[in-house]
């Protein structure tokens, strides 16, 4: 029976050993889907595997965003990347997580990755100033000053102070 604790522990072990184990991932997805249909046993099994229920994902994502911002502010780029990557597994359309990971990648000089995440962030939310700022920073580091200045200008127009500072630095 899928709802038994023994199966849940087995799935957890399988995911620990092999995070991409297709059978264990399917079982986890089945628990999540059944939980969303209000099957309490499946909610309990999902929470046993992950530490949170599918219904708690928005709150968990917000906590991770706070943790990722704290890591970013400490210049712990690896931790910021790890946390934002975890967010994106839970919420693949989270423009803030893409923007933050873009900035962390740029600071690690992983410019291709930074630009990719910056592009996704801006596509998902064209009103998110930090997406333009961090994409602009990646473009600047790549030597594309014209496009970097344009992104900094957009970030500034969206009232992001660092965007205005970056633009001012460029225009002097």
N, C-alpha and C. Protein backbone atom coordinates (compact mmCIF):
# COMPACT_ATOMS: atom_id res chain seq x y z
N UNK A 1 0.84 -1.18 0.00
CA UNK A 1 0.00 0.00 0.00
C UNK A 1 0.88 1.25 0.00
N UNK A 2 0.62 2.21 -0.91
CA UNK A 2 1.44 3.40 -1.04
C UNK A 2 1.44 4.27 0.20
N UNK A 3 0.39 4.25 0.97
CA UNK A 3 0.28 5.16 2.10
C UNK A 3 1.06 4.72 3.32
N UNK A 4 1.72 3.59 3.30
CA UNK A 4 2.38 3.12 4.51
C UNK A 4 3.68 3.88 4.76
N UNK A 5 4.00 3.99 6.03
CA UNK A 5 5.22 4.69 6.44
C UNK A 5 6.45 4.00 5.85
N UNK A 6 6.43 2.67 5.78
CA UNK A 6 7.57 1.93 5.27
C UNK A 6 7.88 2.31 3.83
N UNK A 7 6.85 2.46 3.00
CA UNK A 7 7.09 2.88 1.62
C UNK A 7 7.62 4.31 1.56
N UNK A 8 7.12 5.17 2.43
CA UNK A 8 7.56 6.56 2.47
C UNK A 8 9.06 6.63 2.80
N UNK A 9 9.49 5.85 3.78
CA UNK A 9 10.90 5.81 4.16
C UNK A 9 11.73 5.27 3.00
N UNK A 10 11.22 4.25 2.31
CA UNK A 10 11.93 3.69 1.16
C UNK A 10 12.10 4.71 0.05
N UNK A 11 11.06 5.48 -0.21
CA UNK A 11 11.13 6.53 -1.23
C UNK A 11 12.14 7.59 -0.81
N UNK A 12 12.11 7.97 0.46
CA UNK A 12 13.05 8.96 0.98
C UNK A 12 14.48 8.48 0.80
N UNK A 13 14.74 7.23 1.12
CA UNK A 13 16.09 6.67 0.94
C UNK A 13 16.49 6.66 -0.53
N UNK A 14 15.57 6.27 -1.38
CA UNK A 14 15.86 6.23 -2.82
C UNK A 14 16.21 7.62 -3.33
N UNK A 15 15.47 8.64 -2.88
CA UNK A 15 15.76 10.01 -3.32
C UNK A 15 17.06 10.53 -2.73
N UNK A 16 17.40 10.08 -1.53
CA UNK A 16 18.67 10.49 -0.92
C UNK A 16 19.85 9.90 -1.70
N UNK A 17 19.73 8.64 -2.05
CA UNK A 17 20.80 7.96 -2.79
C UNK A 17 20.87 8.48 -4.23
N UNK A 18 19.71 8.63 -4.84
CA UNK A 18 19.64 9.05 -6.24
C UNK A 18 18.51 10.07 -6.40
N UNK A 19 18.83 11.37 -6.27
CA UNK A 19 17.78 12.40 -6.32
C UNK A 19 16.96 12.40 -7.61
N UNK A 20 17.46 11.77 -8.67
CA UNK A 20 16.74 11.73 -9.93
C UNK A 20 16.07 10.37 -10.18
N UNK A 21 15.96 9.55 -9.15
CA UNK A 21 15.35 8.24 -9.28
C UNK A 21 13.92 8.39 -9.79
N UNK A 22 13.63 7.93 -11.01
CA UNK A 22 12.31 8.20 -11.61
C UNK A 22 11.15 7.57 -10.85
N UNK A 23 11.34 6.40 -10.30
CA UNK A 23 10.25 5.74 -9.58
C UNK A 23 9.95 6.48 -8.28
N UNK A 24 11.01 6.86 -7.55
CA UNK A 24 10.80 7.60 -6.31
C UNK A 24 10.21 8.97 -6.58
N UNK A 25 10.67 9.63 -7.65
CA UNK A 25 10.11 10.94 -7.99
C UNK A 25 8.64 10.82 -8.38
N UNK A 26 8.28 9.76 -9.09
CA UNK A 26 6.88 9.55 -9.45
C UNK A 26 6.04 9.35 -8.20
N UNK A 27 6.54 8.57 -7.25
CA UNK A 27 5.80 8.36 -6.00
C UNK A 27 5.62 9.68 -5.26
N UNK A 28 6.69 10.48 -5.21
CA UNK A 28 6.59 11.78 -4.55
C UNK A 28 5.55 12.64 -5.26
N UNK A 29 5.56 12.66 -6.59
CA UNK A 29 4.57 13.42 -7.36
C UNK A 29 3.16 12.90 -7.11
N UNK A 30 3.02 11.57 -7.00
CA UNK A 30 1.70 10.98 -6.73
C UNK A 30 1.20 11.44 -5.36
N UNK A 31 2.08 11.45 -4.35
CA UNK A 31 1.69 11.93 -3.03
C UNK A 31 1.25 13.39 -3.11
N UNK A 32 2.01 14.20 -3.85
CA UNK A 32 1.67 15.62 -3.97
C UNK A 32 0.31 15.80 -4.64
N UNK A 33 0.09 15.11 -5.75
CA UNK A 33 -1.19 15.24 -6.46
C UNK A 33 -2.36 14.78 -5.61
N UNK A 34 -2.18 13.67 -4.90
CA UNK A 34 -3.26 13.17 -4.05
C UNK A 34 -3.51 14.12 -2.88
N UNK A 35 -2.46 14.71 -2.36
CA UNK A 35 -2.62 15.67 -1.28
C UNK A 35 -3.43 16.87 -1.74
N UNK A 36 -3.13 17.34 -2.93
CA UNK A 36 -3.88 18.49 -3.47
C UNK A 36 -5.36 18.15 -3.68
N UNK A 37 -5.65 16.85 -3.73
CA UNK A 37 -7.06 16.41 -3.83
C UNK A 37 -7.62 16.10 -2.44
N UNK A 38 -6.89 16.57 -1.41
CA UNK A 38 -7.34 16.50 -0.02
C UNK A 38 -7.25 15.11 0.60
N UNK A 39 -6.36 14.26 0.11
CA UNK A 39 -6.15 12.95 0.73
C UNK A 39 -5.07 13.12 1.80
N UNK A 40 -5.51 13.11 3.04
CA UNK A 40 -4.63 13.45 4.16
C UNK A 40 -3.42 12.53 4.28
N UNK A 41 -3.60 11.24 4.08
CA UNK A 41 -2.48 10.31 4.17
C UNK A 41 -1.39 10.66 3.18
N UNK A 42 -1.79 11.05 1.98
CA UNK A 42 -0.80 11.47 0.98
C UNK A 42 -0.10 12.75 1.40
N UNK A 43 -0.84 13.67 2.01
CA UNK A 43 -0.22 14.91 2.53
C UNK A 43 0.83 14.56 3.58
N UNK A 44 0.49 13.63 4.47
CA UNK A 44 1.43 13.22 5.52
C UNK A 44 2.66 12.56 4.92
N UNK A 45 2.46 11.71 3.91
CA UNK A 45 3.60 11.05 3.27
C UNK A 45 4.49 12.06 2.55
N UNK A 46 3.87 12.99 1.85
CA UNK A 46 4.66 14.01 1.15
C UNK A 46 5.47 14.82 2.16
N UNK A 47 4.83 15.20 3.26
CA UNK A 47 5.52 15.99 4.29
C UNK A 47 6.65 15.19 4.93
N UNK A 48 6.44 13.90 5.08
CA UNK A 48 7.49 13.03 5.62
C UNK A 48 8.72 13.03 4.70
N UNK A 49 8.49 13.08 3.40
CA UNK A 49 9.59 13.08 2.43
C UNK A 49 10.31 14.42 2.35
N UNK A 50 9.53 15.51 2.41
CA UNK A 50 10.09 16.82 2.09
C UNK A 50 10.27 17.75 3.28
N UNK A 51 9.50 17.52 4.34
CA UNK A 51 9.53 18.43 5.48
C UNK A 51 8.43 19.49 5.40
N UNK A 52 7.66 19.49 4.33
CA UNK A 52 6.56 20.44 4.17
C UNK A 52 5.48 19.77 3.33
N UNK A 53 4.26 20.26 3.46
CA UNK A 53 3.17 19.72 2.66
C UNK A 53 3.04 20.54 1.39
N UNK A 54 2.47 19.98 0.33
CA UNK A 54 2.29 20.75 -0.90
C UNK A 54 1.50 22.04 -0.66
N UNK A 55 0.61 22.00 0.31
CA UNK A 55 -0.19 23.18 0.61
C UNK A 55 0.64 24.27 1.30
N UNK A 56 1.80 23.90 1.82
CA UNK A 56 2.69 24.85 2.49
C UNK A 56 3.79 25.40 1.56
N UNK A 57 3.79 24.99 0.30
CA UNK A 57 4.85 25.39 -0.62
C UNK A 57 4.99 26.91 -0.72
N UNK A 58 3.91 27.69 -0.87
CA UNK A 58 4.10 29.15 -0.97
C UNK A 58 4.82 29.74 0.25
N UNK A 59 4.46 29.29 1.44
CA UNK A 59 5.13 29.79 2.65
C UNK A 59 6.59 29.34 2.67
N UNK A 60 6.85 28.10 2.27
CA UNK A 60 8.21 27.58 2.25
C UNK A 60 9.06 28.35 1.23
N UNK A 61 8.49 28.65 0.07
CA UNK A 61 9.20 29.42 -0.95
C UNK A 61 9.54 30.81 -0.40
N UNK A 62 8.62 31.45 0.29
CA UNK A 62 8.90 32.76 0.88
C UNK A 62 10.03 32.69 1.89
N UNK A 63 10.05 31.64 2.71
CA UNK A 63 11.14 31.48 3.67
C UNK A 63 12.47 31.29 2.93
N UNK A 64 12.45 30.48 1.88
CA UNK A 64 13.67 30.27 1.10
C UNK A 64 14.12 31.56 0.42
N UNK A 65 13.18 32.36 -0.07
CA UNK A 65 13.56 33.65 -0.66
C UNK A 65 14.28 34.52 0.36
N UNK A 66 13.77 34.54 1.59
CA UNK A 66 14.44 35.30 2.65
C UNK A 66 15.83 34.75 2.92
N UNK A 67 15.94 33.41 2.99
CA UNK A 67 17.25 32.77 3.22
C UNK A 67 18.21 33.07 2.07
N UNK A 68 17.70 33.02 0.84
CA UNK A 68 18.54 33.30 -0.32
C UNK A 68 19.02 34.74 -0.35
N UNK A 69 18.14 35.67 0.03
CA UNK A 69 18.53 37.08 0.10
C UNK A 69 19.60 37.28 1.17
N UNK A 70 19.45 36.61 2.30
CA UNK A 70 20.45 36.71 3.36
C UNK A 70 21.80 36.18 2.88
N UNK A 71 21.79 35.05 2.19
CA UNK A 71 23.04 34.49 1.65
C UNK A 71 23.65 35.44 0.63
N UNK A 72 22.83 36.02 -0.22
CA UNK A 72 23.31 36.97 -1.22
C UNK A 72 23.95 38.18 -0.54
N UNK A 73 23.28 38.72 0.47
CA UNK A 73 23.79 39.89 1.18
C UNK A 73 25.10 39.60 1.91
N UNK A 74 25.33 38.34 2.26
CA UNK A 74 26.59 37.93 2.89
C UNK A 74 27.66 37.61 1.85
N UNK A 75 27.30 37.74 0.58
CA UNK A 75 28.18 37.40 -0.54
C UNK A 75 28.53 35.92 -0.57
N UNK A 76 27.62 35.10 -0.05
CA UNK A 76 27.79 33.65 -0.10
C UNK A 76 27.08 33.16 -1.36
N UNK A 77 27.77 33.34 -2.48
CA UNK A 77 27.18 33.08 -3.79
C UNK A 77 26.76 31.62 -3.96
N UNK A 78 27.57 30.70 -3.47
CA UNK A 78 27.23 29.28 -3.61
C UNK A 78 25.93 28.95 -2.88
N UNK A 79 25.79 29.48 -1.67
CA UNK A 79 24.57 29.23 -0.90
C UNK A 79 23.36 29.90 -1.57
N UNK A 80 23.55 31.10 -2.08
CA UNK A 80 22.46 31.79 -2.77
C UNK A 80 22.02 30.99 -3.99
N UNK A 81 22.97 30.44 -4.73
CA UNK A 81 22.64 29.63 -5.90
C UNK A 81 21.91 28.36 -5.48
N UNK A 82 22.39 27.73 -4.43
CA UNK A 82 21.76 26.50 -3.93
C UNK A 82 20.31 26.76 -3.52
N UNK A 83 20.10 27.83 -2.76
CA UNK A 83 18.75 28.12 -2.26
C UNK A 83 17.82 28.51 -3.40
N UNK A 84 18.28 29.37 -4.31
CA UNK A 84 17.40 29.77 -5.41
C UNK A 84 17.11 28.60 -6.34
N UNK A 85 18.05 27.70 -6.50
CA UNK A 85 17.79 26.51 -7.31
C UNK A 85 16.71 25.64 -6.65
N UNK A 86 16.74 25.56 -5.33
CA UNK A 86 15.71 24.80 -4.61
C UNK A 86 14.34 25.47 -4.80
N UNK A 87 14.32 26.80 -4.75
CA UNK A 87 13.06 27.52 -4.98
C UNK A 87 12.52 27.18 -6.36
N UNK A 88 13.38 27.19 -7.35
CA UNK A 88 12.93 26.98 -8.73
C UNK A 88 12.45 25.55 -8.97
N UNK A 89 12.89 24.61 -8.17
CA UNK A 89 12.33 23.26 -8.25
C UNK A 89 10.88 23.27 -7.78
N UNK A 90 10.60 24.09 -6.78
CA UNK A 90 9.24 24.16 -6.21
C UNK A 90 8.34 25.11 -6.98
N UNK A 91 8.94 26.17 -7.50
CA UNK A 91 8.17 27.22 -8.16
C UNK A 91 8.95 27.66 -9.41
N UNK A 92 8.84 26.90 -10.50
CA UNK A 92 9.67 27.14 -11.68
C UNK A 92 9.42 28.47 -12.40
N UNK A 93 8.42 29.22 -12.01
CA UNK A 93 8.14 30.52 -12.63
C UNK A 93 8.41 31.67 -11.67
N UNK A 94 9.27 31.45 -10.70
CA UNK A 94 9.55 32.48 -9.70
C UNK A 94 10.61 33.45 -10.25
N UNK A 95 10.15 34.60 -10.72
CA UNK A 95 11.04 35.57 -11.36
C UNK A 95 12.07 36.13 -10.39
N UNK A 96 11.71 36.27 -9.12
CA UNK A 96 12.66 36.80 -8.13
C UNK A 96 13.80 35.81 -7.92
N UNK A 97 13.49 34.52 -7.86
CA UNK A 97 14.54 33.52 -7.69
C UNK A 97 15.49 33.52 -8.88
N UNK A 98 14.94 33.63 -10.10
CA UNK A 98 15.80 33.71 -11.28
C UNK A 98 16.68 34.96 -11.22
N UNK A 99 16.10 36.09 -10.82
CA UNK A 99 16.88 37.34 -10.74
C UNK A 99 18.00 37.21 -9.71
N UNK A 100 17.67 36.65 -8.54
CA UNK A 100 18.67 36.51 -7.49
C UNK A 100 19.77 35.53 -7.89
N UNK A 101 19.37 34.43 -8.53
CA UNK A 101 20.40 33.48 -8.96
C UNK A 101 21.26 34.09 -10.05
N UNK A 102 20.66 34.91 -10.92
CA UNK A 102 21.42 35.61 -11.95
C UNK A 102 22.52 36.46 -11.31
N UNK A 103 22.17 37.19 -10.27
CA UNK A 103 23.16 38.03 -9.59
C UNK A 103 24.26 37.21 -8.94
N UNK A 104 23.89 36.10 -8.32
CA UNK A 104 24.90 35.23 -7.69
C UNK A 104 25.82 34.63 -8.75
N UNK A 105 25.24 34.16 -9.86
CA UNK A 105 26.07 33.63 -10.94
C UNK A 105 27.02 34.70 -11.47
N UNK A 106 26.53 35.92 -11.64
CA UNK A 106 27.39 37.00 -12.15
C UNK A 106 28.55 37.25 -11.21
N UNK A 107 28.28 37.25 -9.93
CA UNK A 107 29.34 37.49 -8.95
C UNK A 107 30.36 36.36 -8.92
N UNK A 108 29.97 35.18 -9.37
CA UNK A 108 30.90 34.06 -9.48
C UNK A 108 31.54 34.00 -10.86
N UNK A 109 31.22 35.00 -11.70
CA UNK A 109 31.73 35.07 -13.08
C UNK A 109 31.24 33.91 -13.93
N UNK A 110 30.06 33.38 -13.59
CA UNK A 110 29.40 32.36 -14.39
C UNK A 110 28.41 33.11 -15.28
N UNK A 111 28.97 33.80 -16.28
CA UNK A 111 28.21 34.80 -17.01
C UNK A 111 27.13 34.23 -17.92
N UNK A 112 27.39 33.11 -18.55
CA UNK A 112 26.38 32.50 -19.41
C UNK A 112 25.15 32.13 -18.57
N UNK A 113 25.38 31.52 -17.41
CA UNK A 113 24.29 31.14 -16.52
C UNK A 113 23.56 32.37 -16.00
N UNK A 114 24.32 33.41 -15.67
CA UNK A 114 23.74 34.64 -15.17
C UNK A 114 22.83 35.29 -16.21
N UNK A 115 23.32 35.38 -17.43
CA UNK A 115 22.54 35.99 -18.50
C UNK A 115 21.27 35.18 -18.77
N UNK A 116 21.39 33.86 -18.76
CA UNK A 116 20.23 33.01 -18.98
C UNK A 116 19.15 33.23 -17.93
N UNK A 117 19.56 33.25 -16.66
CA UNK A 117 18.59 33.48 -15.59
C UNK A 117 18.04 34.89 -15.64
N UNK A 118 18.87 35.86 -15.97
CA UNK A 118 18.39 37.24 -16.10
C UNK A 118 17.34 37.35 -17.19
N UNK A 119 17.57 36.69 -18.32
CA UNK A 119 16.59 36.70 -19.41
C UNK A 119 15.27 36.08 -18.98
N UNK A 120 15.34 34.97 -18.27
CA UNK A 120 14.11 34.32 -17.81
C UNK A 120 13.37 35.21 -16.82
N UNK A 121 14.11 35.82 -15.90
CA UNK A 121 13.48 36.69 -14.90
C UNK A 121 12.72 37.83 -15.57
N UNK A 122 13.37 38.48 -16.53
CA UNK A 122 12.75 39.61 -17.23
C UNK A 122 11.55 39.15 -18.06
N UNK A 123 11.67 37.98 -18.68
CA UNK A 123 10.55 37.45 -19.47
C UNK A 123 9.36 37.13 -18.57
N UNK A 124 9.62 36.54 -17.39
CA UNK A 124 8.54 36.17 -16.48
C UNK A 124 7.87 37.39 -15.85
N UNK A 125 8.69 38.42 -15.56
CA UNK A 125 8.14 39.61 -14.89
C UNK A 125 8.85 40.86 -15.40
N UNK A 126 8.34 41.47 -16.46
CA UNK A 126 8.98 42.65 -17.04
C UNK A 126 8.98 43.88 -16.12
N UNK A 127 8.30 43.80 -14.99
CA UNK A 127 8.28 44.91 -14.05
C UNK A 127 9.20 44.69 -12.85
N UNK A 128 9.99 43.62 -12.87
CA UNK A 128 10.89 43.31 -11.76
C UNK A 128 12.25 43.96 -12.02
N UNK A 129 12.49 45.05 -11.34
CA UNK A 129 13.70 45.85 -11.58
C UNK A 129 14.99 45.07 -11.35
N UNK A 130 15.02 44.23 -10.32
CA UNK A 130 16.27 43.52 -10.00
C UNK A 130 16.64 42.54 -11.11
N UNK A 131 15.67 42.08 -11.87
CA UNK A 131 15.97 41.21 -13.02
C UNK A 131 16.79 41.96 -14.06
N UNK A 132 16.40 43.21 -14.33
CA UNK A 132 17.15 44.03 -15.29
C UNK A 132 18.53 44.38 -14.72
N UNK A 133 18.58 44.72 -13.44
CA UNK A 133 19.85 45.08 -12.81
C UNK A 133 20.85 43.94 -12.92
N UNK A 134 20.42 42.74 -12.55
CA UNK A 134 21.36 41.62 -12.54
C UNK A 134 21.71 41.15 -13.95
N UNK A 135 20.76 41.23 -14.86
CA UNK A 135 21.09 40.92 -16.25
C UNK A 135 22.07 41.97 -16.79
N UNK A 136 21.83 43.23 -16.45
CA UNK A 136 22.75 44.29 -16.86
C UNK A 136 24.15 44.07 -16.34
N UNK A 137 24.26 43.61 -15.10
CA UNK A 137 25.58 43.34 -14.52
C UNK A 137 26.29 42.24 -15.29
N UNK A 138 25.55 41.18 -15.65
CA UNK A 138 26.16 40.11 -16.44
C UNK A 138 26.61 40.64 -17.80
N UNK A 139 25.76 41.44 -18.43
CA UNK A 139 26.12 42.03 -19.72
C UNK A 139 27.35 42.93 -19.60
N UNK A 140 27.41 43.69 -18.53
CA UNK A 140 28.58 44.55 -18.30
C UNK A 140 29.85 43.72 -18.19
N UNK A 141 29.78 42.66 -17.40
CA UNK A 141 30.96 41.81 -17.22
C UNK A 141 31.35 41.11 -18.52
N UNK A 142 30.38 40.91 -19.40
CA UNK A 142 30.65 40.29 -20.71
C UNK A 142 31.18 41.31 -21.71
N UNK A 143 31.22 42.59 -21.33
CA UNK A 143 31.72 43.63 -22.21
C UNK A 143 30.66 44.26 -23.10
N UNK A 144 29.40 43.91 -22.90
CA UNK A 144 28.31 44.44 -23.70
C UNK A 144 27.74 45.68 -22.98
N UNK A 145 28.47 46.76 -23.07
CA UNK A 145 28.14 47.96 -22.31
C UNK A 145 26.83 48.62 -22.76
N UNK A 146 26.55 48.58 -24.06
CA UNK A 146 25.33 49.22 -24.57
C UNK A 146 24.08 48.56 -23.97
N UNK A 147 24.00 47.23 -24.04
CA UNK A 147 22.84 46.53 -23.50
C UNK A 147 22.82 46.59 -21.97
N UNK A 148 23.98 46.60 -21.34
CA UNK A 148 24.04 46.73 -19.88
C UNK A 148 23.46 48.07 -19.46
N UNK A 149 23.86 49.13 -20.15
CA UNK A 149 23.35 50.47 -19.83
C UNK A 149 21.83 50.53 -20.00
N UNK A 150 21.32 49.88 -21.04
CA UNK A 150 19.87 49.86 -21.26
C UNK A 150 19.16 49.16 -20.11
N UNK A 151 19.70 48.01 -19.66
CA UNK A 151 19.09 47.31 -18.53
C UNK A 151 19.17 48.13 -17.25
N UNK A 152 20.30 48.80 -17.03
CA UNK A 152 20.42 49.66 -15.84
C UNK A 152 19.41 50.81 -15.90
N UNK A 153 19.20 51.35 -17.10
CA UNK A 153 18.22 52.43 -17.25
C UNK A 153 16.81 51.94 -16.92
N UNK A 154 16.47 50.75 -17.39
CA UNK A 154 15.15 50.20 -17.08
C UNK A 154 15.01 49.96 -15.58
N UNK A 155 16.04 49.40 -14.97
CA UNK A 155 16.01 49.16 -13.52
C UNK A 155 15.82 50.48 -12.77
N UNK A 156 16.49 51.52 -13.23
CA UNK A 156 16.37 52.83 -12.60
C UNK A 156 14.95 53.39 -12.78
N UNK A 157 14.42 53.26 -13.98
CA UNK A 157 13.05 53.75 -14.23
C UNK A 157 12.02 53.00 -13.41
N UNK A 158 12.36 51.75 -13.05
CA UNK A 158 11.48 50.96 -12.18
C UNK A 158 11.76 51.24 -10.70
N UNK A 159 12.55 52.29 -10.46
CA UNK A 159 12.81 52.83 -9.12
C UNK A 159 13.71 51.95 -8.24
N UNK A 160 14.65 51.27 -8.88
CA UNK A 160 15.63 50.49 -8.14
C UNK A 160 16.88 51.35 -7.98
N UNK A 161 17.21 51.69 -6.76
CA UNK A 161 18.32 52.62 -6.49
C UNK A 161 19.65 52.15 -7.07
N UNK A 162 19.96 50.85 -6.93
CA UNK A 162 21.23 50.37 -7.47
C UNK A 162 21.24 50.45 -8.99
N UNK A 163 20.07 50.33 -9.61
CA UNK A 163 19.98 50.50 -11.07
C UNK A 163 20.36 51.92 -11.46
N UNK A 164 19.88 52.89 -10.68
CA UNK A 164 20.22 54.30 -10.95
C UNK A 164 21.71 54.54 -10.72
N UNK A 165 22.26 53.94 -9.67
CA UNK A 165 23.70 54.09 -9.40
C UNK A 165 24.53 53.47 -10.52
N UNK A 166 24.11 52.31 -10.98
CA UNK A 166 24.83 51.64 -12.07
C UNK A 166 24.75 52.47 -13.35
N UNK A 167 23.58 53.01 -13.64
CA UNK A 167 23.41 53.85 -14.83
C UNK A 167 24.26 55.09 -14.73
N UNK A 168 24.29 55.74 -13.58
CA UNK A 168 25.08 56.94 -13.38
C UNK A 168 26.58 56.63 -13.57
N UNK A 169 27.01 55.52 -13.05
CA UNK A 169 28.41 55.10 -13.21
C UNK A 169 28.72 54.93 -14.70
N UNK A 170 27.79 54.40 -15.47
CA UNK A 170 27.99 54.18 -16.88
C UNK A 170 28.02 55.46 -17.70
N UNK A 171 27.24 56.43 -17.29
CA UNK A 171 27.10 57.65 -18.10
C UNK A 171 28.15 58.70 -17.73
N UNK A 172 28.98 58.43 -16.77
CA UNK A 172 30.02 59.40 -16.40
C UNK A 172 31.27 59.21 -17.22
